[in-house]
Amino acid sequence: MMLNTTHHFSQVGNMVTHQHMGSTELAANLFRATQTEEKLKRDQVSNKAHANQTHFEVGAKVRATIEELGGTMPEDLPTPEKGIPQLARAQKKLEGGKNED
């Protein structure tokens, strides 16, 4: 039996939320999630402990690659001033204020 490996960024609590990440951090997170999902499938991981270990190992390799390439670690990246919901509301407001001729 395969585990459900769908990654949801918009969780609450101590889960990572994508709404306040910049593009670099989002890209690293998506890369980690997709590579983990593929490895879970390839290795036919069927228990939670092994899945957790796989997530940890892939994440560690992604972080090591970022560091090796001289990139900025995710925790050191600047946090955008506005999240996606705030930007969407601002865009809606701007679009609503336009006169349609």
Protein backbone atom coordinates (compact mmCIF):
# COMPACT_ATOMS: atom_id res chain seq x y z
CA MET A 1 0.00 0.00 0.00
CA MET A 2 1.43 3.38 -1.05
CA LEU A 3 1.26 6.33 1.31
CA ASN A 4 -0.49 9.51 0.24
CA THR A 5 2.44 11.79 -0.54
CA THR A 6 0.59 14.90 -1.64
CA HIS A 7 2.29 17.90 -0.07
CA HIS A 8 0.11 20.73 1.17
CA PHE A 9 1.95 24.01 1.84
CA SER A 10 -1.03 25.96 3.22
CA GLN A 11 -1.29 24.21 6.57
CA VAL A 12 -1.61 25.97 9.91
CA GLY A 13 0.24 25.44 13.17
CA ASN A 14 3.93 24.62 12.90
CA MET A 15 3.67 23.58 9.23
CA VAL A 16 5.39 25.67 6.58
CA THR A 17 3.07 28.07 4.81
CA HIS A 18 3.82 29.09 1.24
CA GLN A 19 1.92 32.36 1.53
CA HIS A 20 4.90 34.26 2.92
CA MET A 21 7.72 32.61 0.96
CA GLY A 22 9.68 34.22 -1.82
CA SER A 23 10.16 32.45 -5.16
CA THR A 24 13.55 30.94 -4.23
CA GLU A 25 12.20 29.30 -1.10
CA LEU A 26 9.06 28.14 -2.90
CA ALA A 27 11.17 26.57 -5.64
CA ALA A 28 13.42 24.75 -3.15
CA ASN A 29 10.39 23.53 -1.23
CA LEU A 30 8.63 22.32 -4.38
CA PHE A 31 11.81 20.57 -5.57
CA ARG A 32 12.14 18.83 -2.19
CA ALA A 33 8.48 17.77 -2.23
CA THR A 34 8.55 16.41 -5.79
CA GLN A 35 11.83 14.55 -5.29
CA THR A 36 10.54 13.05 -2.05
CA GLU A 37 7.32 11.94 -3.72
CA GLU A 38 9.24 10.28 -6.56
CA LYS A 39 11.59 8.52 -4.13
CA LEU A 40 8.67 7.27 -2.04
CA LYS A 41 7.12 5.79 -5.19
CA ARG A 42 10.39 4.35 -6.54
CA ASP A 43 11.28 2.76 -3.22
CA GLN A 44 7.67 1.61 -2.66
CA VAL A 45 7.65 3.06 0.84
CA SER A 46 4.65 1.71 2.71
CA ASN A 47 5.09 2.74 6.34
CA LYS A 48 5.12 6.08 8.11
CA ALA A 49 8.54 5.69 9.76
CA HIS A 50 10.25 4.96 6.44
CA ALA A 51 8.34 7.81 4.75
CA ASN A 52 9.43 10.24 7.47
CA GLN A 53 13.04 9.09 7.13
CA THR A 54 12.85 9.55 3.34
CA HIS A 55 11.47 13.08 3.74
CA PHE A 56 14.28 13.91 6.15
CA GLU A 57 17.00 12.48 3.88
CA VAL A 58 15.77 14.25 0.73
CA GLY A 59 15.41 17.52 2.64
CA ALA A 60 18.96 17.20 3.99
CA LYS A 61 20.30 16.62 0.46
CA VAL A 62 18.44 19.62 -0.93
CA ARG A 63 19.83 21.79 1.89
CA ALA A 64 23.34 20.42 1.31
CA THR A 65 23.06 21.25 -2.40
CA ILE A 66 21.91 24.81 -1.68
CA GLU A 67 24.85 25.25 0.70
CA GLU A 68 27.35 23.63 -1.70
CA LEU A 69 26.27 25.95 -4.53
CA GLY A 70 26.70 28.97 -2.28
CA GLY A 71 22.99 29.70 -2.12
CA THR A 72 21.17 31.32 0.74
CA MET A 73 19.64 28.87 3.17
CA PRO A 74 15.82 29.12 3.32
CA GLU A 75 15.78 30.37 6.90
CA ASP A 76 18.12 33.22 5.90
CA LEU A 77 15.99 34.41 2.97
CA PRO A 78 14.02 37.62 3.44
CA THR A 79 10.32 37.27 4.16
CA PRO A 80 8.10 39.16 1.72
CA GLU A 81 6.21 42.03 3.32
CA LYS A 82 2.88 40.80 1.97
CA GLY A 83 1.60 37.28 1.54
CA ILE A 84 -0.41 35.91 -1.37
CA PRO A 85 -3.84 36.73 0.14
CA GLN A 86 -2.84 40.37 0.75
CA LEU A 87 -1.45 40.72 -2.78
CA ALA A 88 -4.57 39.14 -4.29
CA ARG A 89 -6.82 41.56 -2.38
CA ALA A 90 -4.71 44.53 -3.50
CA GLN A 91 -4.84 43.36 -7.13
CA LYS A 92 -8.62 42.89 -6.94
CA LYS A 93 -8.96 46.38 -5.51
CA LEU A 94 -6.86 47.84 -8.35
CA GLU A 95 -8.79 45.95 -10.99
CA GLY A 96 -12.09 47.00 -9.44
CA GLY A 97 -11.01 50.65 -9.54
CA LYS A 98 -10.43 50.65 -13.31
CA ASN A 99 -13.02 52.23 -15.56
CA GLU A 100 -14.13 49.88 -18.29
CA ASP A 101 -14.82 51.93 -21.45
